[in-house]
Amino acid sequence: MEDNNTIISVNDVSMRFNLAREKVDSLKEYIIRAVKGKLQYDEFWALNNVSFDVNKGDSVGLIGLNGSGKSTMLKVIAGVLKPTRGSVRVNGSVAPLIELGAGFDIDLTGRENVFLNGALLGRSRKMMQEVFDEIVEFSELREFMDVPVKNYSSGMLSRLAFSIATSGDADILIVDEVLSVGDFRFQEKCQERIHRMMDKGTTVLFVSHSIEQVEEICNKAVWLEGGKVRMKGDSKEICGIYKQSR
């Protein structure tokens, strides 16, 4: 039941993907088959009747094996994917860290990409100018800001993406496997920033291969298995049962 404290409400969300059953060798062949209605698909339900609420200020970890639907769920909440069935209500601004570098133009410099990413997050150029120095300092990329990001390592990309997404005052931060990239010291620095944002009231949705990170950062957990909710509740309790089941 949704109340005034609910910032995200996921209601009976199902997500279907159509997987091509046979190999098509060219775009021309694909189009011809599609026009003739001869393309055959297998249905794959990545999510199946998933429901849960997230309260303001909560930090919720989505846990489960690869293919359980965690990243798909985050993309539906972020508005990247539209669910096949069901609905998601989000009451606030979202800073998504889902696919690192997805909002980057690799031919532009780090500096230019800060403003491009800001625009994609709905922030004005003026807002981004106000936090630019903070982004540069946190990312530790000052000497690389005028280098095209196609020359960045994956670790550098993740540092810049994380710094941009966490530079504003978003109500909701969505983090998908971001803390698995880069060196251990920077991962700790990112965790500290997430904790500071939580202290200010930011709601966090978090996916990580590290159950220890989920226990460290999250107070609630939703365990997805085969696209369905297996358990949800207190993070330490759910993570403890999850670890015993593996």
Protein backbone atom coordinates (compact mmCIF):
# COMPACT_ATOMS: atom_id res chain seq x y z
CA MET A 1 0.00 0.00 0.00
CA GLU A 2 1.51 3.31 -1.08
CA ASP A 3 1.71 6.17 1.45
CA ASN A 4 3.18 9.67 1.58
CA ASN A 5 6.59 8.27 2.50
CA THR A 6 6.77 6.09 -0.64
CA ILE A 7 9.18 7.47 -3.24
CA ILE A 8 9.13 4.46 -5.63
CA SER A 9 6.19 2.11 -6.10
CA VAL A 10 6.62 -0.96 -8.33
CA ASN A 11 3.25 -2.57 -9.08
CA ASP A 12 3.00 -6.02 -10.75
CA VAL A 13 5.75 -5.22 -13.25
CA SER A 14 6.44 -7.77 -15.98
CA MET A 15 8.98 -7.31 -18.77
CA ARG A 16 8.97 -9.47 -21.90
CA PHE A 17 11.74 -9.65 -24.49
CA ASN A 18 11.35 -11.37 -27.86
CA LEU A 19 14.43 -13.43 -28.68
CA ALA A 20 14.95 -14.37 -32.34
CA ARG A 21 14.72 -18.14 -32.66
CA GLU A 22 17.01 -18.40 -35.69
CA LYS A 23 20.07 -16.60 -36.99
CA VAL A 24 19.51 -13.90 -39.60
CA ASP A 25 22.63 -13.12 -41.63
CA SER A 26 21.90 -9.56 -42.75
CA LEU A 27 19.68 -6.56 -42.06
CA LYS A 28 18.14 -7.01 -45.53
CA GLU A 29 17.15 -10.61 -44.72
CA TYR A 30 15.78 -9.49 -41.34
CA ILE A 31 13.58 -6.82 -42.97
CA ILE A 32 12.32 -9.22 -45.67
CA ARG A 33 11.40 -11.85 -43.08
CA ALA A 34 9.79 -9.25 -40.84
CA VAL A 35 7.64 -7.89 -43.71
CA LYS A 36 6.59 -11.44 -44.67
CA GLY A 37 5.85 -12.26 -41.03
CA LYS A 38 8.36 -15.12 -41.09
CA LEU A 39 10.46 -14.07 -38.11
CA GLN A 40 10.06 -16.51 -35.24
CA TYR A 41 10.62 -15.48 -31.65
CA ASP A 42 10.93 -17.08 -28.27
CA GLU A 43 9.42 -15.05 -25.44
CA PHE A 44 11.66 -14.36 -22.47
CA TRP A 45 10.13 -12.84 -19.34
CA ALA A 46 12.94 -10.98 -17.54
CA LEU A 47 10.49 -9.81 -14.85
CA ASN A 48 7.27 -11.47 -13.75
CA ASN A 49 4.72 -9.67 -11.54
CA VAL A 50 7.31 -7.84 -9.43
CA SER A 51 5.96 -5.54 -6.71
CA PHE A 52 7.71 -3.59 -3.95
CA ASP A 53 7.74 -0.09 -2.46
CA VAL A 54 10.75 2.04 -1.55
CA ASN A 55 10.42 4.67 1.17
CA LYS A 56 12.20 8.03 1.17
CA GLY A 57 15.70 7.72 2.57
CA ASP A 58 15.87 3.94 2.19
CA SER A 59 18.83 2.25 0.56
CA VAL A 60 17.56 -0.85 -1.22
CA GLY A 61 19.81 -3.57 -2.62
CA LEU A 62 18.55 -5.78 -5.45
CA ILE A 63 20.22 -9.18 -5.12
CA GLY A 64 20.09 -12.41 -7.13
CA LEU A 65 22.07 -14.45 -9.62
CA ASN A 66 22.98 -13.17 -13.10
CA GLY A 67 19.84 -13.15 -15.23
CA SER A 68 17.50 -12.80 -12.25
CA GLY A 69 16.17 -9.43 -13.53
CA LYS A 70 18.06 -6.96 -11.30
CA SER A 71 19.41 -4.67 -14.04
CA THR A 72 16.15 -4.86 -16.02
CA MET A 73 14.27 -3.74 -12.90
CA LEU A 74 16.61 -0.76 -12.44
CA LYS A 75 16.14 0.25 -16.10
CA VAL A 76 12.36 0.11 -15.74
CA ILE A 77 12.52 2.30 -12.60
CA ALA A 78 14.90 4.73 -14.33
CA GLY A 79 12.49 5.00 -17.29
CA VAL A 80 14.95 3.46 -19.76
CA LEU A 81 12.56 0.53 -20.40
CA LYS A 82 8.75 0.56 -20.45
CA PRO A 83 7.29 -2.49 -18.72
CA THR A 84 5.20 -4.94 -20.75
CA ARG A 85 2.68 -5.05 -17.90
CA GLY A 86 2.32 -3.22 -14.61
CA SER A 87 3.47 0.23 -13.58
CA VAL A 88 6.17 2.13 -11.71
CA ARG A 89 5.58 5.42 -9.90
CA VAL A 90 8.61 7.54 -9.04
CA ASN A 91 8.12 10.64 -6.91
CA GLY A 92 11.35 12.57 -7.37
CA SER A 93 14.37 13.22 -9.57
CA VAL A 94 16.56 10.27 -10.55
CA ALA A 95 20.33 10.09 -11.11
CA PRO A 96 20.92 6.77 -12.88
CA LEU A 97 24.31 5.07 -12.92
CA ILE A 98 23.27 2.06 -14.98
CA GLU A 99 25.50 1.61 -18.02
CA LEU A 100 28.75 3.45 -17.47
CA GLY A 101 29.57 5.80 -20.30
CA ALA A 102 26.17 5.25 -21.97
CA GLY A 103 25.59 9.01 -21.90
CA PHE A 104 29.08 9.85 -23.17
CA ASP A 105 30.12 10.88 -26.67
CA ILE A 106 33.50 9.17 -27.00
CA ASP A 107 34.81 11.78 -29.44
CA LEU A 108 34.22 14.62 -26.97
CA THR A 109 36.56 15.50 -24.11
CA GLY A 110 35.90 14.76 -20.46
CA ARG A 111 35.05 18.45 -19.95
CA GLU A 112 32.51 18.45 -22.80
CA ASN A 113 30.98 15.20 -21.58
CA VAL A 114 30.37 16.68 -18.13
CA PHE A 115 27.97 19.19 -19.71
CA LEU A 116 26.49 16.61 -22.12
CA ASN A 117 25.78 14.21 -19.24
CA GLY A 118 24.36 17.04 -17.19
CA ALA A 119 21.93 17.89 -20.01
CA LEU A 120 20.86 14.22 -20.23
CA LEU A 121 20.17 14.33 -16.47
CA GLY A 122 18.01 17.42 -16.98
CA ARG A 123 20.50 19.87 -15.48
CA SER A 124 21.27 23.29 -16.96
CA ARG A 125 24.73 24.37 -18.08
CA LYS A 126 24.79 26.86 -15.21
CA MET A 127 24.09 24.07 -12.69
CA MET A 128 26.90 21.98 -14.16
CA GLN A 129 29.33 24.94 -14.08
CA GLU A 130 28.61 25.31 -10.36
CA VAL A 131 29.60 21.68 -9.62
CA PHE A 132 32.28 21.30 -12.32
CA ASP A 133 35.28 21.76 -10.01
CA GLU A 134 33.79 19.32 -7.50
CA ILE A 135 33.30 16.72 -10.28
CA VAL A 136 36.91 17.12 -11.43
CA GLU A 137 38.29 16.91 -7.90
CA PHE A 138 36.26 13.83 -6.95
CA SER A 139 37.03 11.97 -10.20
CA GLU A 140 40.77 12.73 -9.85
CA LEU A 141 40.93 13.34 -13.62
CA ARG A 142 42.06 16.99 -13.68
CA GLU A 143 44.89 16.39 -16.16
CA PHE A 144 42.60 14.37 -18.45
CA MET A 145 39.57 16.68 -18.70
CA ASP A 146 40.61 17.98 -22.14
CA VAL A 147 41.34 14.49 -23.51
CA PRO A 148 38.66 12.69 -25.62
CA VAL A 149 37.02 10.02 -23.46
CA LYS A 150 37.70 7.35 -26.12
CA ASN A 151 41.21 7.40 -24.64
CA TYR A 152 39.91 6.77 -21.10
CA SER A 153 40.17 3.38 -19.41
CA SER A 154 36.95 1.79 -18.08
CA GLY A 155 38.05 2.83 -14.58
CA MET A 156 38.44 6.47 -15.65
CA LEU A 157 35.04 6.40 -17.36
CA SER A 158 33.40 4.99 -14.23
CA ARG A 159 35.04 7.64 -12.05
CA LEU A 160 33.79 10.45 -14.28
CA ALA A 161 30.28 8.97 -14.63
CA PHE A 162 29.95 8.43 -10.87
CA SER A 163 31.26 11.93 -10.12
CA ILE A 164 28.73 13.53 -12.49
CA ALA A 165 25.72 11.51 -11.31
CA THR A 166 26.42 12.17 -7.63
CA SER A 167 27.25 15.87 -8.01
CA GLY A 168 23.68 17.16 -7.87
CA ASP A 169 20.88 16.85 -5.36
CA ALA A 170 18.92 13.97 -6.92
CA ASP A 171 16.17 12.45 -4.79
CA ILE A 172 17.03 8.94 -6.01
CA LEU A 173 20.42 7.46 -6.92
CA ILE A 174 20.37 4.24 -9.00
CA VAL A 175 23.67 2.36 -8.94
CA ASP A 176 24.25 -0.78 -11.04
CA GLU A 177 27.58 -2.59 -10.60
CA VAL A 178 29.44 0.73 -10.68
CA LEU A 179 31.53 0.05 -7.60
CA SER A 180 33.04 -3.08 -9.17
CA VAL A 181 35.11 -0.91 -11.54
CA GLY A 182 38.25 0.93 -10.52
CA ASP A 183 40.68 0.49 -7.67
CA PHE A 184 39.69 -0.44 -4.12
CA ARG A 185 40.53 3.01 -2.71
CA PHE A 186 38.20 4.73 -5.18
CA GLN A 187 35.45 2.16 -4.47
CA GLU A 188 35.69 3.12 -0.77
CA LYS A 189 35.54 6.79 -1.72
CA CYS A 190 32.36 6.11 -3.74
CA GLN A 191 30.79 4.23 -0.82
CA GLU A 192 31.56 7.18 1.47
CA ARG A 193 29.86 9.56 -0.97
CA ILE A 194 26.78 7.31 -1.18
CA HIS A 195 26.60 7.28 2.63
CA ARG A 196 26.83 11.09 2.70
CA MET A 197 24.02 11.36 0.14
CA MET A 198 21.93 8.95 2.25
CA ASP A 199 22.61 11.09 5.33
CA LYS A 200 21.12 14.03 3.39
CA GLY A 201 18.01 11.97 2.58
CA THR A 202 18.80 10.59 -0.88
CA THR A 203 17.12 7.27 -1.63
CA VAL A 204 19.44 4.64 -3.14
CA LEU A 205 18.72 1.62 -5.35
CA PHE A 206 21.82 -0.55 -5.51
CA VAL A 207 22.95 -3.62 -7.48
CA SER A 208 26.32 -5.24 -6.84
CA HIS A 209 27.89 -8.68 -7.25
CA SER A 210 29.29 -8.10 -3.76
CA ILE A 211 26.74 -9.11 -1.12
CA GLU A 212 29.09 -7.51 1.42
CA GLN A 213 28.66 -4.14 -0.35
CA VAL A 214 24.88 -4.56 -0.25
CA GLU A 215 25.04 -5.31 3.49
CA GLU A 216 27.34 -2.32 4.02
CA ILE A 217 25.30 0.22 2.04
CA CYS A 218 21.68 -0.99 2.16
CA ASN A 219 19.11 -1.20 4.94
CA LYS A 220 16.58 -3.09 2.78
CA ALA A 221 16.93 -5.81 0.15
CA VAL A 222 14.80 -7.35 -2.61
CA TRP A 223 15.88 -10.85 -3.70
CA LEU A 224 14.96 -11.57 -7.33
CA GLU A 225 15.01 -15.11 -8.67
CA GLY A 226 14.00 -15.93 -12.24
CA GLY A 227 12.39 -12.51 -12.61
CA LYS A 228 10.20 -12.92 -9.51
CA VAL A 229 10.51 -11.60 -5.95
CA ARG A 230 11.67 -14.44 -3.71
CA MET A 231 12.08 -12.36 -0.52
CA LYS A 232 12.15 -8.73 0.55
CA GLY A 233 12.84 -7.01 3.85
CA ASP A 234 15.76 -6.17 6.15
CA SER A 235 19.05 -6.19 4.22
CA LYS A 236 21.17 -8.16 6.69
CA GLU A 237 18.46 -10.78 7.17
CA ILE A 238 17.79 -11.27 3.43
CA CYS A 239 21.51 -11.22 2.51
CA GLY A 240 22.24 -13.78 5.27
CA ILE A 241 19.63 -16.20 3.91
CA TYR A 242 20.82 -15.55 0.34
CA LYS A 243 24.44 -16.38 1.24
CA GLN A 244 23.37 -19.63 2.92
CA SER A 245 21.41 -20.68 -0.19
CA ARG A 246 24.38 -20.43 -2.57
